[in-house]
Amino acid sequence: MKKYFLADGLIWVLLGIGICLGSVQLKLGDFHTPGAGFLPFLAGVSLAIFGLILMLSTLISQASEGKDGDHREDPTKQHRKNFLNPVLTVAVLLGYILLLDTLGFLLTTFVSLLLLFKLSEPKRWITPVMLSAVTAVLSYLVFSVWLQGQLPKGLLKF
């Protein structure tokens, strides 16, 4: 399983390098007067760095697993979990898109984040509820109040 994480990391590194090469052709500019390729270049560098982190963390965990022995759970349960999580994540994100206008930004964001937090790592309910509420309210304050963006109001009307 860990070899797939190595391949994933390598793909992100190569994609990041490709984005960087493409953005150089768009003229980077400098920090005070950025060109069209400045932000894509930063995004490419970020992808490459995160890909390297993924590869290095995989290599380190493989080395520590070799020393500690093999502690795995049932392979069929792990395979089902690895297949089901991405499918449910995409379903939650599609639901977010479809319900955003109807339910509004605040409620849809809260419910979607709650489901995503529970999917990522099953915890007691208090942690995902608190994280979802804080993230939804802070994002509403930043985008609607501070930046004065127009977010869908939905059922709550604010």
C-alpha atoms as a PDB file:
ATOM      1  CA  MET A   1       0.000   0.000   0.000  1.00  0.00           C
ATOM      2  CA  LYS A   2       2.814   2.388   0.806  1.00  0.00           C
ATOM      3  CA  LYS A   3       4.218   2.082  -2.723  1.00  0.00           C
ATOM      4  CA  TYR A   4       1.058   3.803  -3.962  1.00  0.00           C
ATOM      5  CA  PHE A   5       1.769   6.765  -1.694  1.00  0.00           C
ATOM      6  CA  LEU A   6       5.245   6.979  -3.219  1.00  0.00           C
ATOM      7  CA  ALA A   7       3.711   7.001  -6.692  1.00  0.00           C
ATOM      8  CA  ASP A   8       1.161   9.623  -5.602  1.00  0.00           C
ATOM      9  CA  GLY A   9       3.919  11.822  -4.248  1.00  0.00           C
ATOM     10  CA  LEU A  10       5.910  11.447  -7.454  1.00  0.00           C
ATOM     11  CA  ILE A  11       2.860  12.410  -9.532  1.00  0.00           C
ATOM     12  CA  TRP A  12       2.343  15.572  -7.439  1.00  0.00           C
ATOM     13  CA  VAL A  13       6.033  16.479  -7.762  1.00  0.00           C
ATOM     14  CA  LEU A  14       5.949  16.029 -11.544  1.00  0.00           C
ATOM     15  CA  LEU A  15       2.686  17.951 -11.835  1.00  0.00           C
ATOM     16  CA  GLY A  16       4.144  20.779  -9.736  1.00  0.00           C
ATOM     17  CA  ILE A  17       7.255  20.921 -11.905  1.00  0.00           C
ATOM     18  CA  GLY A  18       5.078  20.969 -15.038  1.00  0.00           C
ATOM     19  CA  ILE A  19       3.001  23.837 -13.676  1.00  0.00           C
ATOM     20  CA  CYS A  20       6.166  25.747 -12.780  1.00  0.00           C
ATOM     21  CA  LEU A  21       7.587  25.273 -16.283  1.00  0.00           C
ATOM     22  CA  GLY A  22       4.316  26.412 -17.862  1.00  0.00           C
ATOM     23  CA  SER A  23       4.045  29.439 -15.625  1.00  0.00           C
ATOM     24  CA  VAL A  24       7.579  30.597 -16.458  1.00  0.00           C
ATOM     25  CA  GLN A  25       6.431  30.985 -20.067  1.00  0.00           C
ATOM     26  CA  LEU A  26       3.696  33.359 -18.848  1.00  0.00           C
ATOM     27  CA  LYS A  27       6.245  35.774 -17.350  1.00  0.00           C
ATOM     28  CA  LEU A  28       6.648  35.646 -13.585  1.00  0.00           C
ATOM     29  CA  GLY A  29       7.381  39.305 -12.959  1.00  0.00           C
ATOM     30  CA  ASP A  30       8.654  40.139  -9.475  1.00  0.00           C
ATOM     31  CA  PHE A  31       7.122  40.293  -6.029  1.00  0.00           C
ATOM     32  CA  HIS A  32       5.977  43.919  -6.333  1.00  0.00           C
ATOM     33  CA  THR A  33       4.674  43.637  -9.904  1.00  0.00           C
ATOM     34  CA  PRO A  34       3.699  40.005 -10.421  1.00  0.00           C
ATOM     35  CA  GLY A  35       3.118  38.725 -13.916  1.00  0.00           C
ATOM     36  CA  ALA A  36       0.482  36.308 -15.164  1.00  0.00           C
ATOM     37  CA  GLY A  37       2.587  33.282 -14.217  1.00  0.00           C
ATOM     38  CA  PHE A  38       3.413  34.318 -10.652  1.00  0.00           C
ATOM     39  CA  LEU A  39       0.511  32.611  -8.817  1.00  0.00           C
ATOM     40  CA  PRO A  40       0.589  29.459 -10.959  1.00  0.00           C
ATOM     41  CA  PHE A  41       4.320  29.248 -10.243  1.00  0.00           C
ATOM     42  CA  LEU A  42       3.685  29.449  -6.495  1.00  0.00           C
ATOM     43  CA  ALA A  43       0.976  26.795  -6.827  1.00  0.00           C
ATOM     44  CA  GLY A  44       3.365  24.523  -8.734  1.00  0.00           C
ATOM     45  CA  VAL A  45       6.077  24.972  -6.123  1.00  0.00           C
ATOM     46  CA  SER A  46       3.548  24.179  -3.387  1.00  0.00           C
ATOM     47  CA  LEU A  47       2.406  21.012  -5.159  1.00  0.00           C
ATOM     48  CA  ALA A  48       5.977  19.854  -5.655  1.00  0.00           C
ATOM     49  CA  ILE A  49       6.858  20.508  -2.002  1.00  0.00           C
ATOM     50  CA  PHE A  50       3.773  18.660  -0.741  1.00  0.00           C
ATOM     51  CA  GLY A  51       4.556  15.782  -3.098  1.00  0.00           C
ATOM     52  CA  LEU A  52       8.064  15.598  -1.673  1.00  0.00           C
ATOM     53  CA  ILE A  53       6.676  15.645   1.864  1.00  0.00           C
ATOM     54  CA  LEU A  54       4.337  12.776   0.970  1.00  0.00           C
ATOM     55  CA  MET A  55       7.190  10.774  -0.525  1.00  0.00           C
ATOM     56  CA  LEU A  56       9.508  11.407   2.416  1.00  0.00           C
ATOM     57  CA  SER A  57       6.869  10.609   5.024  1.00  0.00           C
ATOM     58  CA  THR A  58       6.091   7.367   3.186  1.00  0.00           C
ATOM     59  CA  LEU A  59       9.749   6.394   3.116  1.00  0.00           C
ATOM     60  CA  ILE A  60      10.153   7.210   6.807  1.00  0.00           C
ATOM     61  CA  SER A  61       7.038   5.227   7.773  1.00  0.00           C
ATOM     62  CA  GLN A  62       8.239   2.269   5.692  1.00  0.00           C
ATOM     63  CA  ALA A  63      11.571   2.344   7.490  1.00  0.00           C
ATOM     64  CA  SER A  64       9.899   2.463  10.921  1.00  0.00           C
ATOM     65  CA  GLU A  65       7.453  -0.320   9.960  1.00  0.00           C
ATOM     66  CA  GLY A  66      10.346  -2.531   9.013  1.00  0.00           C
ATOM     67  CA  LYS A  67      11.799  -2.138  12.511  1.00  0.00           C
ATOM     68  CA  ASP A  68       8.566  -2.403  14.507  1.00  0.00           C
ATOM     69  CA  GLY A  69       7.022  -5.298  12.636  1.00  0.00           C
ATOM     70  CA  ASP A  70       3.901  -5.407  10.550  1.00  0.00           C
ATOM     71  CA  HIS A  71       0.784  -4.050  12.291  1.00  0.00           C
ATOM     72  CA  ARG A  72      -1.992  -4.045   9.709  1.00  0.00           C
ATOM     73  CA  GLU A  73      -5.721  -4.360   9.892  1.00  0.00           C
ATOM     74  CA  ASP A  74      -7.800  -6.733   7.786  1.00  0.00           C
ATOM     75  CA  PRO A  75      -6.870  -6.144   4.089  1.00  0.00           C
ATOM     76  CA  THR A  76     -10.465  -6.381   2.842  1.00  0.00           C
ATOM     77  CA  LYS A  77     -11.639  -3.832   5.405  1.00  0.00           C
ATOM     78  CA  GLN A  78      -8.759  -1.511   4.454  1.00  0.00           C
ATOM     79  CA  HIS A  79      -9.527  -1.952   0.737  1.00  0.00           C
ATOM     80  CA  ARG A  80     -13.218  -1.167   1.277  1.00  0.00           C
ATOM     81  CA  LYS A  81     -12.295   1.907   3.322  1.00  0.00           C
ATOM     82  CA  ASN A  82      -9.816   3.090   0.680  1.00  0.00           C
ATOM     83  CA  PHE A  83     -12.479   2.757  -2.008  1.00  0.00           C
ATOM     84  CA  LEU A  84     -15.427   4.136  -0.067  1.00  0.00           C
ATOM     85  CA  ASN A  85     -13.864   7.311   1.390  1.00  0.00           C
ATOM     86  CA  PRO A  86     -13.113   9.019  -1.950  1.00  0.00           C
ATOM     87  CA  VAL A  87     -16.545   8.104  -3.302  1.00  0.00           C
ATOM     88  CA  LEU A  88     -18.297   9.519  -0.228  1.00  0.00           C
ATOM     89  CA  THR A  89     -16.107  12.635  -0.326  1.00  0.00           C
ATOM     90  CA  VAL A  90     -17.062  13.325  -3.934  1.00  0.00           C
ATOM     91  CA  ALA A  91     -20.723  12.718  -3.045  1.00  0.00           C
ATOM     92  CA  VAL A  92     -20.524  15.236  -0.182  1.00  0.00           C
ATOM     93  CA  LEU A  93     -18.871  17.820  -2.451  1.00  0.00           C
ATOM     94  CA  LEU A  94     -21.490  17.310  -5.166  1.00  0.00           C
ATOM     95  CA  GLY A  95     -24.196  17.678  -2.527  1.00  0.00           C
ATOM     96  CA  TYR A  96     -22.527  20.900  -1.390  1.00  0.00           C
ATOM     97  CA  ILE A  97     -22.698  22.288  -4.906  1.00  0.00           C
ATOM     98  CA  LEU A  98     -26.314  21.242  -5.416  1.00  0.00           C
ATOM     99  CA  LEU A  99     -27.606  22.474  -2.039  1.00  0.00           C
ATOM    100  CA  LEU A 100     -25.614  25.711  -1.742  1.00  0.00           C
ATOM    101  CA  ASP A 101     -28.302  27.979  -3.225  1.00  0.00           C
ATOM    102  CA  THR A 102     -31.179  26.212  -1.471  1.00  0.00           C
ATOM    103  CA  LEU A 103     -29.783  25.898   2.051  1.00  0.00           C
ATOM    104  CA  GLY A 104     -27.379  28.835   1.960  1.00  0.00           C
ATOM    105  CA  PHE A 105     -23.660  29.141   2.538  1.00  0.00           C
ATOM    106  CA  LEU A 106     -23.565  28.860   6.319  1.00  0.00           C
ATOM    107  CA  LEU A 107     -25.780  25.792   6.722  1.00  0.00           C
ATOM    108  CA  THR A 108     -24.413  23.923   3.681  1.00  0.00           C
ATOM    109  CA  THR A 109     -20.826  24.581   4.696  1.00  0.00           C
ATOM    110  CA  PHE A 110     -21.475  23.420   8.250  1.00  0.00           C
ATOM    111  CA  VAL A 111     -23.160  20.163   7.188  1.00  0.00           C
ATOM    112  CA  SER A 112     -20.602  19.410   4.481  1.00  0.00           C
ATOM    113  CA  LEU A 113     -17.651  20.008   6.769  1.00  0.00           C
ATOM    114  CA  LEU A 114     -19.270  17.921   9.481  1.00  0.00           C
ATOM    115  CA  LEU A 115     -19.647  14.991   7.091  1.00  0.00           C
ATOM    116  CA  LEU A 116     -16.114  15.401   5.741  1.00  0.00           C
ATOM    117  CA  PHE A 117     -14.615  15.562   9.242  1.00  0.00           C
ATOM    118  CA  LYS A 118     -16.511  12.423  10.264  1.00  0.00           C
ATOM    119  CA  LEU A 119     -15.379  10.654   7.069  1.00  0.00           C
ATOM    120  CA  SER A 120     -11.733  11.563   7.431  1.00  0.00           C
ATOM    121  CA  GLU A 121     -11.325  10.137  10.885  1.00  0.00           C
ATOM    122  CA  PRO A 122     -14.202   8.868  12.978  1.00  0.00           C
ATOM    123  CA  LYS A 123     -14.132  10.736  16.263  1.00  0.00           C
ATOM    124  CA  ARG A 124     -16.666  11.574  18.901  1.00  0.00           C
ATOM    125  CA  TRP A 125     -19.286  13.976  17.564  1.00  0.00           C
ATOM    126  CA  ILE A 126     -18.210  17.000  19.606  1.00  0.00           C
ATOM    127  CA  THR A 127     -14.916  17.544  17.761  1.00  0.00           C
ATOM    128  CA  PRO A 128     -16.317  17.546  14.196  1.00  0.00           C
ATOM    129  CA  VAL A 129     -19.335  19.645  15.259  1.00  0.00           C
ATOM    130  CA  MET A 130     -17.126  22.277  16.883  1.00  0.00           C
ATOM    131  CA  LEU A 131     -14.622  22.330  13.998  1.00  0.00           C
ATOM    132  CA  SER A 132     -17.420  22.584  11.432  1.00  0.00           C
ATOM    133  CA  ALA A 133     -19.198  25.374  13.295  1.00  0.00           C
ATOM    134  CA  VAL A 134     -16.048  27.424  13.844  1.00  0.00           C
ATOM    135  CA  THR A 135     -14.883  26.981  10.237  1.00  0.00           C
ATOM    136  CA  ALA A 136     -18.301  27.833   8.765  1.00  0.00           C
ATOM    137  CA  VAL A 137     -18.739  30.937  10.926  1.00  0.00           C
ATOM    138  CA  LEU A 138     -15.178  32.177  10.362  1.00  0.00           C
ATOM    139  CA  SER A 139     -15.420  31.669   6.607  1.00  0.00           C
ATOM    140  CA  TYR A 140     -18.777  33.491   6.602  1.00  0.00           C
ATOM    141  CA  LEU A 141     -17.263  36.387   8.563  1.00  0.00           C
ATOM    142  CA  VAL A 142     -14.246  36.607   6.269  1.00  0.00           C
ATOM    143  CA  PHE A 143     -16.040  36.327   2.934  1.00  0.00           C
ATOM    144  CA  SER A 144     -19.374  37.985   3.658  1.00  0.00           C
ATOM    145  CA  VAL A 145     -18.659  40.546   6.373  1.00  0.00           C
ATOM    146  CA  TRP A 146     -15.005  41.484   5.908  1.00  0.00           C
ATOM    147  CA  LEU A 147     -14.627  41.076   2.124  1.00  0.00           C
ATOM    148  CA  GLN A 148     -18.309  41.942   1.506  1.00  0.00           C
ATOM    149  CA  GLY A 149     -18.827  39.065  -0.905  1.00  0.00           C
ATOM    150  CA  GLN A 150     -22.267  37.873  -1.870  1.00  0.00           C
ATOM    151  CA  LEU A 151     -22.874  34.411  -0.484  1.00  0.00           C
ATOM    152  CA  PRO A 152     -26.118  32.443  -0.962  1.00  0.00           C
ATOM    153  CA  LYS A 153     -28.474  33.178   1.951  1.00  0.00           C
ATOM    154  CA  GLY A 154     -30.749  30.140   1.672  1.00  0.00           C
ATOM    155  CA  LEU A 155     -32.998  29.143   4.562  1.00  0.00           C
ATOM    156  CA  LEU A 156     -31.307  31.227   7.251  1.00  0.00           C
ATOM    157  CA  LYS A 157     -31.701  34.545   5.353  1.00  0.00           C
ATOM    158  CA  PHE A 158     -28.434  36.074   6.525  1.00  0.00           C
END
